[in-house]
């Protein structure tokens, strides 16, 4: 169960991990620095929209934000690009890609 300070603690943890200041997060999200500061000081729960913007600024999804094992969920820009392409493929194309990749692994 999440306590009232979970979200603010998680934001701080993720910023620390990325060596990102609240100022930098403010610039990436478009959320004013004073609004972020107030959120962090009060330990209040942000709106869904605000939290989504914060996640975008941190380069993660909402599900990654709430995941305990974020290390496995973080994707490089290269990995995101591959997944974005993957999502546009038909089932038959995905099957062909899987076969191809498995074949490459065997070499």
PDB file of N, CA and C in Angstrom:
ATOM      1  N   UNK A   1       0.836  -1.183   0.000  1.00  0.00           N
ATOM      2  CA  UNK A   1       0.000   0.000   0.000  1.00  0.00           C
ATOM      3  C   UNK A   1       0.883   1.249   0.000  1.00  0.00           C
ATOM      4  N   UNK A   2       0.461   2.277  -0.722  1.00  0.00           N
ATOM      5  CA  UNK A   2       1.235   3.497  -0.839  1.00  0.00           C
ATOM      6  C   UNK A   2       0.863   4.456   0.282  1.00  0.00           C
ATOM      7  N   UNK A   3       1.880   5.038   0.906  1.00  0.00           N
ATOM      8  CA  UNK A   3       1.582   6.061   1.905  1.00  0.00           C
ATOM      9  C   UNK A   3       1.566   7.430   1.229  1.00  0.00           C
ATOM     10  N   UNK A   4       1.251   8.449   1.985  1.00  0.00           N
ATOM     11  CA  UNK A   4       1.070   9.787   1.429  1.00  0.00           C
ATOM     12  C   UNK A   4       2.351  10.363   0.826  1.00  0.00           C
ATOM     13  N   UNK A   5       3.498   9.936   1.316  1.00  0.00           N
ATOM     14  CA  UNK A   5       4.761  10.495   0.838  1.00  0.00           C
ATOM     15  C   UNK A   5       5.426   9.641  -0.236  1.00  0.00           C
ATOM     16  N   UNK A   6       4.796   8.536  -0.623  1.00  0.00           N
ATOM     17  CA  UNK A   6       5.407   7.627  -1.587  1.00  0.00           C
ATOM     18  C   UNK A   6       5.781   8.361  -2.875  1.00  0.00           C
ATOM     19  N   UNK A   7       4.851   9.123  -3.423  1.00  0.00           N
ATOM     20  CA  UNK A   7       5.080   9.757  -4.722  1.00  0.00           C
ATOM     21  C   UNK A   7       6.217  10.761  -4.646  1.00  0.00           C
ATOM     22  N   UNK A   8       6.211  11.613  -3.631  1.00  0.00           N
ATOM     23  CA  UNK A   8       7.292  12.598  -3.545  1.00  0.00           C
ATOM     24  C   UNK A   8       8.637  11.920  -3.281  1.00  0.00           C
ATOM     25  N   UNK A   9       8.639  10.884  -2.460  1.00  0.00           N
ATOM     26  CA  UNK A   9       9.885  10.143  -2.226  1.00  0.00           C
ATOM     27  C   UNK A   9      10.377   9.488  -3.515  1.00  0.00           C
ATOM     28  N   UNK A  10       9.438   8.968  -4.302  1.00  0.00           N
ATOM     29  CA  UNK A  10       9.796   8.310  -5.560  1.00  0.00           C
ATOM     30  C   UNK A  10      10.343   9.323  -6.568  1.00  0.00           C
ATOM     31  N   UNK A  11       9.743  10.502  -6.631  1.00  0.00           N
ATOM     32  CA  UNK A  11      10.247  11.553  -7.525  1.00  0.00           C
ATOM     33  C   UNK A  11      11.674  11.908  -7.133  1.00  0.00           C
ATOM     34  N   UNK A  12      11.899  12.101  -5.837  1.00  0.00           N
ATOM     35  CA  UNK A  12      13.249  12.434  -5.356  1.00  0.00           C
ATOM     36  C   UNK A  12      14.232  11.315  -5.688  1.00  0.00           C
ATOM     37  N   UNK A  13      13.828  10.072  -5.451  1.00  0.00           N
ATOM     38  CA  UNK A  13      14.692   8.922  -5.741  1.00  0.00           C
ATOM     39  C   UNK A  13      15.089   8.875  -7.219  1.00  0.00           C
ATOM     40  N   UNK A  14      14.098   9.071  -8.096  1.00  0.00           N
ATOM     41  CA  UNK A  14      14.366   9.009  -9.534  1.00  0.00           C
ATOM     42  C   UNK A  14      15.209  10.180 -10.006  1.00  0.00           C
ATOM     43  N   UNK A  15      14.973  11.361  -9.440  1.00  0.00           N
ATOM     44  CA  UNK A  15      15.802  12.521  -9.784  1.00  0.00           C
ATOM     45  C   UNK A  15      17.245  12.296  -9.323  1.00  0.00           C
ATOM     46  N   UNK A  16      17.403  11.791  -8.097  1.00  0.00           N
ATOM     47  CA  UNK A  16      18.745  11.512  -7.579  1.00  0.00           C
ATOM     48  C   UNK A  16      19.471  10.500  -8.460  1.00  0.00           C
ATOM     49  N   UNK A  17      18.757   9.463  -8.866  1.00  0.00           N
ATOM     50  CA  UNK A  17      19.347   8.422  -9.711  1.00  0.00           C
ATOM     51  C   UNK A  17      19.836   8.997 -11.035  1.00  0.00           C
ATOM     52  N   UNK A  18      19.124   9.989 -11.535  1.00  0.00           N
ATOM     53  CA  UNK A  18      19.480  10.614 -12.819  1.00  0.00           C
ATOM     54  C   UNK A  18      20.348  11.861 -12.643  1.00  0.00           C
ATOM     55  N   UNK A  19      20.671  12.146 -11.397  1.00  0.00           N
ATOM     56  CA  UNK A  19      21.415  13.370 -11.057  1.00  0.00           C
ATOM     57  C   UNK A  19      20.731  14.594 -11.671  1.00  0.00           C
ATOM     58  N   UNK A  20      19.423  14.647 -11.461  1.00  0.00           N
ATOM     59  CA  UNK A  20      18.596  15.715 -12.006  1.00  0.00           C
ATOM     60  C   UNK A  20      18.052  16.569 -10.862  1.00  0.00           C
ATOM     61  N   UNK A  21      18.248  17.851 -10.964  1.00  0.00           N
ATOM     62  CA  UNK A  21      17.737  18.770  -9.948  1.00  0.00           C
ATOM     63  C   UNK A  21      16.257  19.049 -10.210  1.00  0.00           C
ATOM     64  N   UNK A  22      15.604  19.631  -9.216  1.00  0.00           N
ATOM     65  CA  UNK A  22      14.206  20.032  -9.394  1.00  0.00           C
ATOM     66  C   UNK A  22      14.111  21.102 -10.485  1.00  0.00           C
ATOM     67  N   UNK A  23      15.131  21.928 -10.590  1.00  0.00           N
ATOM     68  CA  UNK A  23      15.161  22.951 -11.643  1.00  0.00           C
ATOM     69  C   UNK A  23      15.161  22.275 -13.020  1.00  0.00           C
ATOM     70  N   UNK A  24      16.019  21.267 -13.184  1.00  0.00           N
ATOM     71  CA  UNK A  24      16.088  20.550 -14.464  1.00  0.00           C
ATOM     72  C   UNK A  24      14.769  19.836 -14.756  1.00  0.00           C
ATOM     73  N   UNK A  25      14.178  19.228 -13.723  1.00  0.00           N
ATOM     74  CA  UNK A  25      12.889  18.556 -13.907  1.00  0.00           C
ATOM     75  C   UNK A  25      11.819  19.574 -14.298  1.00  0.00           C
ATOM     76  N   UNK A  26      11.869  20.738 -13.692  1.00  0.00           N
ATOM     77  CA  UNK A  26      10.924  21.798 -14.020  1.00  0.00           C
ATOM     78  C   UNK A  26      11.035  22.183 -15.499  1.00  0.00           C
ATOM     79  N   UNK A  27      12.256  22.325 -15.965  1.00  0.00           N
ATOM     80  CA  UNK A  27      12.475  22.696 -17.374  1.00  0.00           C
ATOM     81  C   UNK A  27      11.982  21.602 -18.319  1.00  0.00           C
ATOM     82  N   UNK A  28      12.203  20.342 -17.947  1.00  0.00           N
ATOM     83  CA  UNK A  28      11.801  19.225 -18.815  1.00  0.00           C
ATOM     84  C   UNK A  28      10.290  19.018 -18.830  1.00  0.00           C
ATOM     85  N   UNK A  29       9.623  19.374 -17.740  1.00  0.00           N
ATOM     86  CA  UNK A  29       8.185  19.113 -17.626  1.00  0.00           C
ATOM     87  C   UNK A  29       7.305  20.307 -17.972  1.00  0.00           C
ATOM     88  N   UNK A  30       7.868  21.497 -17.854  1.00  0.00           N
ATOM     89  CA  UNK A  30       7.052  22.697 -18.033  1.00  0.00           C
ATOM     90  C   UNK A  30       6.278  23.052 -16.780  1.00  0.00           C
ATOM     91  N   UNK A  31       6.519  22.323 -15.699  1.00  0.00           N
ATOM     92  CA  UNK A  31       5.892  22.616 -14.412  1.00  0.00           C
ATOM     93  C   UNK A  31       6.790  23.610 -13.696  1.00  0.00           C
ATOM     94  N   UNK A  32       6.217  24.666 -13.170  1.00  0.00           N
ATOM     95  CA  UNK A  32       7.051  25.681 -12.536  1.00  0.00           C
ATOM     96  C   UNK A  32       7.844  25.086 -11.378  1.00  0.00           C
ATOM     97  N   UNK A  33       9.009  25.661 -11.152  1.00  0.00           N
ATOM     98  CA  UNK A  33       9.866  25.185 -10.082  1.00  0.00           C
ATOM     99  C   UNK A  33       9.173  25.361  -8.723  1.00  0.00           C
ATOM    100  N   UNK A  34       8.423  26.439  -8.573  1.00  0.00           N
ATOM    101  CA  UNK A  34       7.725  26.664  -7.305  1.00  0.00           C
ATOM    102  C   UNK A  34       6.637  25.609  -7.081  1.00  0.00           C
ATOM    103  N   UNK A  35       5.949  25.205  -8.147  1.00  0.00           N
ATOM    104  CA  UNK A  35       4.934  24.164  -8.014  1.00  0.00           C
ATOM    105  C   UNK A  35       5.568  22.832  -7.620  1.00  0.00           C
ATOM    106  N   UNK A  36       6.680  22.487  -8.254  1.00  0.00           N
ATOM    107  CA  UNK A  36       7.383  21.253  -7.893  1.00  0.00           C
ATOM    108  C   UNK A  36       7.884  21.325  -6.453  1.00  0.00           C
ATOM    109  N   UNK A  37       8.424  22.462  -6.092  1.00  0.00           N
ATOM    110  CA  UNK A  37       8.943  22.641  -4.733  1.00  0.00           C
ATOM    111  C   UNK A  37       7.826  22.476  -3.702  1.00  0.00           C
ATOM    112  N   UNK A  38       6.681  23.095  -3.966  1.00  0.00           N
ATOM    113  CA  UNK A  38       5.533  22.969  -3.058  1.00  0.00           C
ATOM    114  C   UNK A  38       5.068  21.520  -2.950  1.00  0.00           C
ATOM    115  N   UNK A  39       5.015  20.841  -4.071  1.00  0.00           N
ATOM    116  CA  UNK A  39       4.617  19.438  -4.084  1.00  0.00           C
ATOM    117  C   UNK A  39       5.566  18.605  -3.220  1.00  0.00           C
ATOM    118  N   UNK A  40       6.861  18.831  -3.389  1.00  0.00           N
ATOM    119  CA  UNK A  40       7.854  18.047  -2.663  1.00  0.00           C
ATOM    120  C   UNK A  40       7.852  18.382  -1.169  1.00  0.00           C
ATOM    121  N   UNK A  41       7.702  19.638  -0.826  1.00  0.00           N
ATOM    122  CA  UNK A  41       7.728  20.045   0.584  1.00  0.00           C
ATOM    123  C   UNK A  41       6.514  19.533   1.346  1.00  0.00           C
ATOM    124  N   UNK A  42       5.357  19.575   0.700  1.00  0.00           N
ATOM    125  CA  UNK A  42       4.122  19.168   1.369  1.00  0.00           C
ATOM    126  C   UNK A  42       3.914  17.660   1.351  1.00  0.00           C
ATOM    127  N   UNK A  43       4.633  16.973   0.454  1.00  0.00           N
ATOM    128  CA  UNK A  43       4.432  15.535   0.332  1.00  0.00           C
ATOM    129  C   UNK A  43       3.036  15.204  -0.148  1.00  0.00           C
ATOM    130  N   UNK A  44       2.460  16.154  -0.907  1.00  0.00           N
ATOM    131  CA  UNK A  44       1.089  15.951  -1.374  1.00  0.00           C
ATOM    132  C   UNK A  44       1.067  15.107  -2.646  1.00  0.00           C
ATOM    133  N   UNK A  45      -0.097  14.629  -2.975  1.00  0.00           N
ATOM    134  CA  UNK A  45      -0.260  13.804  -4.162  1.00  0.00           C
ATOM    135  C   UNK A  45      -0.593  14.692  -5.351  1.00  0.00           C
ATOM    136  N   UNK A  46       0.226  14.618  -6.412  1.00  0.00           N
ATOM    137  CA  UNK A  46      -0.064  15.437  -7.603  1.00  0.00           C
ATOM    138  C   UNK A  46      -1.241  14.855  -8.380  1.00  0.00           C
ATOM    139  N   UNK A  47      -1.803  15.655  -9.246  1.00  0.00           N
ATOM    140  CA  UNK A  47      -2.856  15.148 -10.126  1.00  0.00           C
ATOM    141  C   UNK A  47      -2.242  14.144 -11.087  1.00  0.00           C
ATOM    142  N   UNK A  48      -3.098  13.352 -11.698  1.00  0.00           N
ATOM    143  CA  UNK A  48      -2.639  12.377 -12.690  1.00  0.00           C
ATOM    144  C   UNK A  48      -1.882  13.092 -13.810  1.00  0.00           C
ATOM    145  N   UNK A  49      -2.437  14.190 -14.286  1.00  0.00           N
ATOM    146  CA  UNK A  49      -1.823  14.957 -15.370  1.00  0.00           C
ATOM    147  C   UNK A  49      -0.429  15.435 -14.977  1.00  0.00           C
ATOM    148  N   UNK A  50      -0.278  15.959 -13.770  1.00  0.00           N
ATOM    149  CA  UNK A  50       1.021  16.449 -13.292  1.00  0.00           C
ATOM    150  C   UNK A  50       2.009  15.294 -13.168  1.00  0.00           C
ATOM    151  N   UNK A  51       1.564  14.181 -12.602  1.00  0.00           N
ATOM    152  CA  UNK A  51       2.454  13.035 -12.450  1.00  0.00           C
ATOM    153  C   UNK A  51       2.873  12.493 -13.810  1.00  0.00           C
ATOM    154  N   UNK A  52       1.972  12.495 -14.761  1.00  0.00           N
ATOM    155  CA  UNK A  52       2.309  12.048 -16.121  1.00  0.00           C
ATOM    156  C   UNK A  52       3.373  12.955 -16.731  1.00  0.00           C
ATOM    157  N   UNK A  53       3.259  14.256 -16.534  1.00  0.00           N
ATOM    158  CA  UNK A  53       4.270  15.197 -17.035  1.00  0.00           C
ATOM    159  C   UNK A  53       5.615  14.963 -16.352  1.00  0.00           C
ATOM    160  N   UNK A  54       5.589  14.676 -15.063  1.00  0.00           N
ATOM    161  CA  UNK A  54       6.821  14.400 -14.318  1.00  0.00           C
ATOM    162  C   UNK A  54       7.469  13.124 -14.866  1.00  0.00           C
ATOM    163  N   UNK A  55       6.664  12.107 -15.100  1.00  0.00           N
ATOM    164  CA  UNK A  55       7.200  10.863 -15.665  1.00  0.00           C
ATOM    165  C   UNK A  55       7.821  11.109 -17.038  1.00  0.00           C
ATOM    166  N   UNK A  56       7.158  11.903 -17.871  1.00  0.00           N
ATOM    167  CA  UNK A  56       7.725  12.251 -19.176  1.00  0.00           C
ATOM    168  C   UNK A  56       9.073  12.940 -18.997  1.00  0.00           C
ATOM    169  N   UNK A  57       9.142  13.860 -18.050  1.00  0.00           N
ATOM    170  CA  UNK A  57      10.396  14.567 -17.788  1.00  0.00           C
ATOM    171  C   UNK A  57      11.502  13.648 -17.297  1.00  0.00           C
ATOM    172  N   UNK A  58      11.113  12.597 -16.602  1.00  0.00           N
ATOM    173  CA  UNK A  58      12.087  11.615 -16.109  1.00  0.00           C
ATOM    174  C   UNK A  58      12.398  10.543 -17.156  1.00  0.00           C
ATOM    175  N   UNK A  59      11.643  10.559 -18.248  1.00  0.00           N
ATOM    176  CA  UNK A  59      11.874   9.585 -19.314  1.00  0.00           C
ATOM    177  C   UNK A  59      11.348   8.196 -18.998  1.00  0.00           C
ATOM    178  N   UNK A  60      10.257   8.137 -18.209  1.00  0.00           N
ATOM    179  CA  UNK A  60       9.670   6.854 -17.839  1.00  0.00           C
ATOM    180  C   UNK A  60       8.156   6.914 -18.004  1.00  0.00           C
ATOM    181  N   UNK A  61       7.540   5.756 -17.934  1.00  0.00           N
ATOM    182  CA  UNK A  61       6.083   5.683 -17.985  1.00  0.00           C
ATOM    183  C   UNK A  61       5.537   5.697 -16.559  1.00  0.00           C
ATOM    184  N   UNK A  62       4.231   5.870 -16.441  1.00  0.00           N
ATOM    185  CA  UNK A  62       3.596   5.801 -15.119  1.00  0.00           C
ATOM    186  C   UNK A  62       3.783   4.422 -14.493  1.00  0.00           C
ATOM    187  N   UNK A  63       3.699   3.365 -15.299  1.00  0.00           N
ATOM    188  CA  UNK A  63       3.884   2.026 -14.725  1.00  0.00           C
ATOM    189  C   UNK A  63       5.306   1.845 -14.221  1.00  0.00           C
ATOM    190  N   UNK A  64       6.281   2.435 -14.907  1.00  0.00           N
ATOM    191  CA  UNK A  64       7.659   2.372 -14.432  1.00  0.00           C
ATOM    192  C   UNK A  64       7.814   3.149 -13.132  1.00  0.00           C
ATOM    193  N   UNK A  65       7.096   4.250 -13.021  1.00  0.00           N
ATOM    194  CA  UNK A  65       7.162   5.058 -11.807  1.00  0.00           C
ATOM    195  C   UNK A  65       6.755   4.235 -10.594  1.00  0.00           C
ATOM    196  N   UNK A  66       5.711   3.428 -10.747  1.00  0.00           N
ATOM    197  CA  UNK A  66       5.201   2.653  -9.620  1.00  0.00           C
ATOM    198  C   UNK A  66       5.829   1.260  -9.506  1.00  0.00           C
ATOM    199  N   UNK A  67       6.708   0.912 -10.437  1.00  0.00           N
ATOM    200  CA  UNK A  67       7.359  -0.395 -10.403  1.00  0.00           C
ATOM    201  C   UNK A  67       8.494  -0.406  -9.387  1.00  0.00           C
ATOM    202  N   UNK A  68       8.637  -1.516  -8.695  1.00  0.00           N
ATOM    203  CA  UNK A  68       9.735  -1.657  -7.747  1.00  0.00           C
ATOM    204  C   UNK A  68      11.031  -2.028  -8.452  1.00  0.00           C
ATOM    205  N   UNK A  69      10.952  -2.573  -9.658  1.00  0.00           N
ATOM    206  CA  UNK A  69      12.131  -3.037 -10.377  1.00  0.00           C
ATOM    207  C   UNK A  69      12.334  -2.202 -11.636  1.00  0.00           C
ATOM    208  N   UNK A  70      12.580  -0.919 -11.438  1.00  0.00           N
ATOM    209  CA  UNK A  70      12.697  -0.014 -12.588  1.00  0.00           C
ATOM    210  C   UNK A  70      13.921  -0.305 -13.440  1.00  0.00           C
ATOM    211  N   UNK A  71      14.939  -0.897 -12.862  1.00  0.00           N
ATOM    212  CA  UNK A  71      16.141  -1.192 -13.624  1.00  0.00           C
ATOM    213  C   UNK A  71      15.861  -1.990 -14.879  1.00  0.00           C
ATOM    214  N   UNK A  72      14.931  -2.929 -14.786  1.00  0.00           N
ATOM    215  CA  UNK A  72      14.594  -3.745 -15.942  1.00  0.00           C
ATOM    216  C   UNK A  72      13.635  -3.024 -16.879  1.00  0.00           C
ATOM    217  N   UNK A  73      13.003  -1.969 -16.410  1.00  0.00           N
ATOM    218  CA  UNK A  73      12.035  -1.266 -17.234  1.00  0.00           C
ATOM    219  C   UNK A  73      12.618  -0.078 -17.982  1.00  0.00           C
ATOM    220  N   UNK A  74      13.762   0.418 -17.544  1.00  0.00           N
ATOM    221  CA  UNK A  74      14.348   1.568 -18.216  1.00  0.00           C
ATOM    222  C   UNK A  74      14.870   1.150 -19.582  1.00  0.00           C
ATOM    223  N   UNK A  75      14.553   1.914 -20.583  1.00  0.00           N
ATOM    224  CA  UNK A  75      14.984   1.619 -21.934  1.00  0.00           C
ATOM    225  C   UNK A  75      15.859   2.735 -22.455  1.00  0.00           C
ATOM    226  N   UNK A  76      16.854   2.356 -23.218  1.00  0.00           N
ATOM    227  CA  UNK A  76      17.679   3.360 -23.879  1.00  0.00           C
ATOM    228  C   UNK A  76      16.874   3.932 -25.045  1.00  0.00           C
ATOM    229  N   UNK A  77      17.359   5.021 -25.601  1.00  0.00           N
ATOM    230  CA  UNK A  77      16.686   5.620 -26.752  1.00  0.00           C
ATOM    231  C   UNK A  77      16.645   4.623 -27.908  1.00  0.00           C
ATOM    232  N   UNK A  78      17.703   3.859 -28.063  1.00  0.00           N
ATOM    233  CA  UNK A  78      17.781   2.853 -29.124  1.00  0.00           C
ATOM    234  C   UNK A  78      16.722   1.763 -28.916  1.00  0.00           C
ATOM    235  N   UNK A  79      16.563   1.307 -27.675  1.00  0.00           N
ATOM    236  CA  UNK A  79      15.568   0.281 -27.373  1.00  0.00           C
ATOM    237  C   UNK A  79      14.150   0.810 -27.588  1.00  0.00           C
ATOM    238  N   UNK A  80      13.905   2.058 -27.183  1.00  0.00           N
ATOM    239  CA  UNK A  80      12.581   2.663 -27.398  1.00  0.00           C
ATOM    240  C   UNK A  80      12.258   2.730 -28.891  1.00  0.00           C
ATOM    241  N   UNK A  81      13.273   3.069 -29.690  1.00  0.00           N
ATOM    242  CA  UNK A  81      13.085   3.178 -31.134  1.00  0.00           C
ATOM    243  C   UNK A  81      12.682   1.815 -31.721  1.00  0.00           C
ATOM    244  N   UNK A  82      13.342   0.756 -31.268  1.00  0.00           N
ATOM    245  CA  UNK A  82      13.014  -0.593 -31.741  1.00  0.00           C
ATOM    246  C   UNK A  82      11.587  -0.960 -31.332  1.00  0.00           C
ATOM    247  N   UNK A  83      11.205  -0.651 -30.094  1.00  0.00           N
ATOM    248  CA  UNK A  83       9.856  -0.974 -29.634  1.00  0.00           C
ATOM    249  C   UNK A  83       8.784  -0.174 -30.369  1.00  0.00           C
ATOM    250  N   UNK A  84       9.087   1.080 -30.668  1.00  0.00           N
ATOM    251  CA  UNK A  84       8.123   1.888 -31.419  1.00  0.00           C
ATOM    252  C   UNK A  84       7.896   1.284 -32.801  1.00  0.00           C
ATOM    253  N   UNK A  85       8.976   0.815 -33.430  1.00  0.00           N
ATOM    254  CA  UNK A  85       8.850   0.164 -34.736  1.00  0.00           C
ATOM    255  C   UNK A  85       8.083  -1.142 -34.596  1.00  0.00           C
ATOM    256  N   UNK A  86       8.415  -1.916 -33.561  1.00  0.00           N
ATOM    257  CA  UNK A  86       7.748  -3.193 -33.293  1.00  0.00           C
ATOM    258  C   UNK A  86       6.239  -3.019 -33.213  1.00  0.00           C
ATOM    259  N   UNK A  87       5.800  -1.965 -32.552  1.00  0.00           N
ATOM    260  CA  UNK A  87       4.370  -1.735 -32.355  1.00  0.00           C
ATOM    261  C   UNK A  87       3.621  -1.467 -33.655  1.00  0.00           C
ATOM    262  N   UNK A  88       4.344  -1.114 -34.708  1.00  0.00           N
ATOM    263  CA  UNK A  88       3.696  -0.831 -35.997  1.00  0.00           C
ATOM    264  C   UNK A  88       3.618  -2.066 -36.888  1.00  0.00           C
ATOM    265  N   UNK A  89       4.267  -3.172 -36.478  1.00  0.00           N
ATOM    266  CA  UNK A  89       4.306  -4.377 -37.300  1.00  0.00           C
ATOM    267  C   UNK A  89       3.022  -5.197 -37.167  1.00  0.00           C
ATOM    268  N   UNK A  90       2.716  -5.935 -38.217  1.00  0.00           N
ATOM    269  CA  UNK A  90       1.601  -6.880 -38.163  1.00  0.00           C
ATOM    270  C   UNK A  90       2.064  -8.109 -37.383  1.00  0.00           C
ATOM    271  N   UNK A  91       1.134  -8.971 -37.022  1.00  0.00           N
ATOM    272  CA  UNK A  91       1.494 -10.201 -36.301  1.00  0.00           C
ATOM    273  C   UNK A  91       2.455 -11.060 -37.119  1.00  0.00           C
ATOM    274  N   UNK A  92       2.226 -11.134 -38.395  1.00  0.00           N
ATOM    275  CA  UNK A  92       3.082 -11.939 -39.282  1.00  0.00           C
ATOM    276  C   UNK A  92       4.496 -11.341 -39.341  1.00  0.00           C
ATOM    277  N   UNK A  93       4.585 -10.027 -39.411  1.00  0.00           N
ATOM    278  CA  UNK A  93       5.901  -9.368 -39.433  1.00  0.00           C
ATOM    279  C   UNK A  93       6.632  -9.568 -38.106  1.00  0.00           C
ATOM    280  N   UNK A  94       5.892  -9.485 -36.999  1.00  0.00           N
ATOM    281  CA  UNK A  94       6.504  -9.718 -35.681  1.00  0.00           C
ATOM    282  C   UNK A  94       7.063 -11.132 -35.588  1.00  0.00           C
ATOM    283  N   UNK A  95       6.311 -12.084 -36.097  1.00  0.00           N
ATOM    284  CA  UNK A  95       6.770 -13.473 -36.086  1.00  0.00           C
ATOM    285  C   UNK A  95       8.057 -13.614 -36.894  1.00  0.00           C
ATOM    286  N   UNK A  96       8.117 -12.967 -38.049  1.00  0.00           N
ATOM    287  CA  UNK A  96       9.314 -13.027 -38.895  1.00  0.00           C
ATOM    288  C   UNK A  96      10.515 -12.402 -38.184  1.00  0.00           C
ATOM    289  N   UNK A  97      10.285 -11.296 -37.485  1.00  0.00           N
ATOM    290  CA  UNK A  97      11.368 -10.635 -36.746  1.00  0.00           C
ATOM    291  C   UNK A  97      11.878 -11.547 -35.635  1.00  0.00           C
ATOM    292  N   UNK A  98      10.977 -12.170 -34.904  1.00  0.00           N
ATOM    293  CA  UNK A  98      11.383 -13.078 -33.819  1.00  0.00           C
ATOM    294  C   UNK A  98      12.228 -14.226 -34.360  1.00  0.00           C
ATOM    295  N   UNK A  99      11.818 -14.803 -35.473  1.00  0.00           N
ATOM    296  CA  UNK A  99      12.574 -15.899 -36.081  1.00  0.00           C
ATOM    297  C   UNK A  99      13.956 -15.406 -36.499  1.00  0.00           C
ATOM    298  N   UNK A 100      14.002 -14.245 -37.107  1.00  0.00           N
ATOM    299  CA  UNK A 100      15.277 -13.673 -37.551  1.00  0.00           C
ATOM    300  C   UNK A 100      16.222 -13.426 -36.375  1.00  0.00           C
ATOM    301  N   UNK A 101      15.705 -12.838 -35.304  1.00  0.00           N
ATOM    302  CA  UNK A 101      16.531 -12.519 -34.144  1.00  0.00           C
ATOM    303  C   UNK A 101      17.034 -13.795 -33.481  1.00  0.00           C
ATOM    304  N   UNK A 102      16.157 -14.795 -33.355  1.00  0.00           N
ATOM    305  CA  UNK A 102      16.598 -16.080 -32.785  1.00  0.00           C
ATOM    306  C   UNK A 102      17.711 -16.686 -33.637  1.00  0.00           C
ATOM    307  N   UNK A 103      17.580 -16.578 -34.956  1.00  0.00           N
ATOM    308  CA  UNK A 103      18.601 -17.090 -35.873  1.00  0.00           C
ATOM    309  C   UNK A 103      19.924 -16.365 -35.705  1.00  0.00           C
ATOM    310  N   UNK A 104      19.878 -15.078 -35.491  1.00  0.00           N
ATOM    311  CA  UNK A 104      21.111 -14.292 -35.277  1.00  0.00           C
ATOM    312  C   UNK A 104      21.801 -14.734 -33.998  1.00  0.00           C
ATOM    313  N   UNK A 105      21.027 -15.045 -32.991  1.00  0.00           N
ATOM    314  CA  UNK A 105      21.558 -15.442 -31.687  1.00  0.00           C
ATOM    315  C   UNK A 105      22.314 -16.759 -31.778  1.00  0.00           C
ATOM    316  N   UNK A 106      21.887 -17.632 -32.670  1.00  0.00           N
ATOM    317  CA  UNK A 106      22.510 -18.943 -32.807  1.00  0.00           C
ATOM    318  C   UNK A 106      23.871 -18.879 -33.492  1.00  0.00           C
ATOM    319  N   UNK A 107      24.133 -17.849 -34.250  1.00  0.00           N
ATOM    320  CA  UNK A 107      25.399 -17.746 -35.006  1.00  0.00           C
ATOM    321  C   UNK A 107      26.572 -17.463 -34.113  1.00  0.00           C
TER     322      UNK A 107
END
